[in-house]
Amino acid sequence: MAIDRLMELSRDVGTLRGSLRTLRDEARQAREAKDEAERRAQALASRVRDLEAKLEMAETNLRTILEAARGSAGRTDVVGDVEMDAILAVLRGDSEAAPS
C-alpha cells in the first residue's frame, strides 16, 4: 500500500515537473512576444511623430503657397481663409472639417 502510494506520488511529481517546464516555456514566449510588441509600438510611435512633423511642414508650405497665390498681382480671384482651411482639411483627410 505504501509502495502504491509512493508510485502514485512519483507519477504526480513527474506530471507536475512536465507542467512546470511547459508553463516556464509559455511564460518565456509570452515575455518575448510582449517585448517584441513593445518594440513595434515604439517604432510605430516614432513613425507617427515623423509623419506628424512632415504633415506640419507640408501644411506650412501649403499655407505659404496659398498666401503667395493670394498676393499675386495678376490674380482677380482671391483664395480666402475658408478655402484655405477646406484645402488643408482635405489634405489631412478630415472630411468633417471641410465645408460642403
C-alpha atoms as a PDB file:
ATOM      1  CA  MET A   1       0.000   0.000   0.000  1.00  0.00           C
ATOM      2  CA  ALA A   2       2.791   2.455   0.884  1.00  0.00           C
ATOM      3  CA  ILE A   3       4.641   1.457  -2.285  1.00  0.00           C
ATOM      4  CA  ASP A   4       1.498   2.059  -4.378  1.00  0.00           C
ATOM      5  CA  ARG A   5       1.125   5.462  -2.784  1.00  0.00           C
ATOM      6  CA  LEU A   6       4.814   6.230  -3.434  1.00  0.00           C
ATOM      7  CA  MET A   7       4.448   5.242  -7.103  1.00  0.00           C
ATOM      8  CA  GLU A   8       1.327   7.391  -7.429  1.00  0.00           C
ATOM      9  CA  LEU A   9       3.117  10.356  -5.888  1.00  0.00           C
ATOM     10  CA  SER A  10       6.094   9.800  -8.215  1.00  0.00           C
ATOM     11  CA  ARG A  11       3.785   9.900 -11.231  1.00  0.00           C
ATOM     12  CA  ASP A  12       2.204  13.079  -9.876  1.00  0.00           C
ATOM     13  CA  VAL A  13       5.637  14.660  -9.402  1.00  0.00           C
ATOM     14  CA  GLY A  14       6.592  13.734 -12.960  1.00  0.00           C
ATOM     15  CA  THR A  15       3.365  15.245 -14.284  1.00  0.00           C
ATOM     16  CA  LEU A  16       3.906  18.398 -12.245  1.00  0.00           C
ATOM     17  CA  ARG A  17       7.508  18.739 -13.469  1.00  0.00           C
ATOM     18  CA  GLY A  18       6.344  18.408 -17.072  1.00  0.00           C
ATOM     19  CA  SER A  19       3.626  21.005 -16.478  1.00  0.00           C
ATOM     20  CA  LEU A  20       6.145  23.327 -14.818  1.00  0.00           C
ATOM     21  CA  ARG A  21       8.512  23.029 -17.796  1.00  0.00           C
ATOM     22  CA  THR A  22       5.655  23.751 -20.208  1.00  0.00           C
ATOM     23  CA  LEU A  23       4.477  26.747 -18.180  1.00  0.00           C
ATOM     24  CA  ARG A  24       8.011  28.161 -17.994  1.00  0.00           C
ATOM     25  CA  ASP A  25       8.318  27.881 -21.775  1.00  0.00           C
ATOM     26  CA  GLU A  26       4.945  29.569 -22.249  1.00  0.00           C
ATOM     27  CA  ALA A  27       5.920  32.359 -19.844  1.00  0.00           C
ATOM     28  CA  ARG A  28       9.212  32.889 -21.713  1.00  0.00           C
ATOM     29  CA  GLN A  29       7.393  33.019 -25.038  1.00  0.00           C
ATOM     30  CA  ALA A  30       4.855  35.474 -23.617  1.00  0.00           C
ATOM     31  CA  ARG A  31       7.675  37.742 -22.352  1.00  0.00           C
ATOM     32  CA  GLU A  32       9.371  37.620 -25.740  1.00  0.00           C
ATOM     33  CA  ALA A  33       6.094  38.423 -27.503  1.00  0.00           C
ATOM     34  CA  LYS A  34       5.478  41.324 -25.106  1.00  0.00           C
ATOM     35  CA  ASP A  35       8.984  42.684 -25.685  1.00  0.00           C
ATOM     36  CA  GLU A  36       8.527  42.438 -29.457  1.00  0.00           C
ATOM     37  CA  ALA A  37       5.140  44.165 -29.245  1.00  0.00           C
ATOM     38  CA  GLU A  38       6.688  46.972 -27.182  1.00  0.00           C
ATOM     39  CA  ARG A  39       9.486  47.383 -29.750  1.00  0.00           C
ATOM     40  CA  ARG A  40       6.958  47.549 -32.576  1.00  0.00           C
ATOM     41  CA  ALA A  41       4.827  50.043 -30.642  1.00  0.00           C
ATOM     42  CA  GLN A  42       7.863  52.274 -30.070  1.00  0.00           C
ATOM     43  CA  ALA A  43       8.815  52.062 -33.746  1.00  0.00           C
ATOM     44  CA  LEU A  44       5.261  52.915 -34.802  1.00  0.00           C
ATOM     45  CA  ALA A  45       5.074  55.810 -32.338  1.00  0.00           C
ATOM     46  CA  SER A  46       8.324  57.150 -33.763  1.00  0.00           C
ATOM     47  CA  ARG A  47       6.933  56.788 -37.291  1.00  0.00           C
ATOM     48  CA  VAL A  48       3.781  58.658 -36.272  1.00  0.00           C
ATOM     49  CA  ARG A  49       5.875  61.501 -34.833  1.00  0.00           C
ATOM     50  CA  ASP A  50       7.882  61.662 -38.070  1.00  0.00           C
ATOM     51  CA  LEU A  51       4.736  61.727 -40.194  1.00  0.00           C
ATOM     52  CA  GLU A  52       3.144  64.390 -37.994  1.00  0.00           C
ATOM     53  CA  ALA A  53       6.267  66.539 -38.381  1.00  0.00           C
ATOM     54  CA  LYS A  54       6.146  66.064 -42.161  1.00  0.00           C
ATOM     55  CA  LEU A  55       2.452  66.965 -42.152  1.00  0.00           C
ATOM     56  CA  GLU A  56       3.199  70.147 -40.221  1.00  0.00           C
ATOM     57  CA  MET A  57       5.918  71.070 -42.728  1.00  0.00           C
ATOM     58  CA  ALA A  58       3.630  70.315 -45.663  1.00  0.00           C
ATOM     59  CA  GLU A  59       0.846  72.379 -44.105  1.00  0.00           C
ATOM     60  CA  THR A  60       3.213  75.291 -43.539  1.00  0.00           C
ATOM     61  CA  ASN A  61       4.461  75.020 -47.120  1.00  0.00           C
ATOM     62  CA  LEU A  62       0.911  74.884 -48.464  1.00  0.00           C
ATOM     63  CA  ARG A  63      -0.090  77.923 -46.433  1.00  0.00           C
ATOM     64  CA  THR A  64       2.944  79.762 -47.814  1.00  0.00           C
ATOM     65  CA  ILE A  65       1.997  78.791 -51.375  1.00  0.00           C
ATOM     66  CA  LEU A  66      -1.636  79.787 -50.841  1.00  0.00           C
ATOM     67  CA  GLU A  67      -0.567  83.087 -49.311  1.00  0.00           C
ATOM     68  CA  ALA A  68       1.674  83.709 -52.326  1.00  0.00           C
ATOM     69  CA  ALA A  69      -1.212  82.854 -54.645  1.00  0.00           C
ATOM     70  CA  ARG A  70      -3.479  85.160 -52.702  1.00  0.00           C
ATOM     71  CA  GLY A  71      -0.981  88.003 -53.047  1.00  0.00           C
ATOM     72  CA  SER A  72      -0.260  87.560 -56.771  1.00  0.00           C
ATOM     73  CA  ALA A  73      -0.600  90.899 -58.550  1.00  0.00           C
ATOM     74  CA  GLY A  74      -2.359  89.497 -61.618  1.00  0.00           C
ATOM     75  CA  ARG A  75      -4.987  87.490 -59.743  1.00  0.00           C
ATOM     76  CA  THR A  76      -8.546  88.682 -59.605  1.00  0.00           C
ATOM     77  CA  ASP A  77      -9.985  85.812 -57.553  1.00  0.00           C
ATOM     78  CA  VAL A  78      -8.726  85.545 -54.007  1.00  0.00           C
ATOM     79  CA  VAL A  79      -8.266  82.342 -52.024  1.00  0.00           C
ATOM     80  CA  GLY A  80      -9.984  83.035 -48.738  1.00  0.00           C
ATOM     81  CA  ASP A  81      -9.389  81.598 -45.304  1.00  0.00           C
ATOM     82  CA  VAL A  82     -12.369  79.287 -45.682  1.00  0.00           C
ATOM     83  CA  GLU A  83     -10.955  77.877 -48.899  1.00  0.00           C
ATOM     84  CA  MET A  84      -7.504  77.504 -47.345  1.00  0.00           C
ATOM     85  CA  ASP A  85      -8.980  75.682 -44.379  1.00  0.00           C
ATOM     86  CA  ALA A  86     -11.010  73.445 -46.704  1.00  0.00           C
ATOM     87  CA  ILE A  87      -7.913  72.549 -48.729  1.00  0.00           C
ATOM     88  CA  LEU A  88      -5.948  71.793 -45.576  1.00  0.00           C
ATOM     89  CA  ALA A  89      -8.803  69.697 -44.205  1.00  0.00           C
ATOM     90  CA  VAL A  90      -8.927  67.652 -47.405  1.00  0.00           C
ATOM     91  CA  LEU A  91      -5.171  67.114 -47.292  1.00  0.00           C
ATOM     92  CA  ARG A  92      -5.441  65.990 -43.678  1.00  0.00           C
ATOM     93  CA  GLY A  93      -8.261  63.633 -44.582  1.00  0.00           C
ATOM     94  CA  ASP A  94     -10.592  65.442 -42.192  1.00  0.00           C
ATOM     95  CA  SER A  95     -13.794  65.311 -44.222  1.00  0.00           C
ATOM     96  CA  GLU A  96     -15.914  66.538 -41.292  1.00  0.00           C
ATOM     97  CA  ALA A  97     -13.997  69.814 -41.038  1.00  0.00           C
ATOM     98  CA  ALA A  98     -14.231  70.558 -44.747  1.00  0.00           C
ATOM     99  CA  PRO A  99     -17.221  72.695 -45.676  1.00  0.00           C
ATOM    100  CA  SER A 100     -19.578  71.185 -48.231  1.00  0.00           C
END
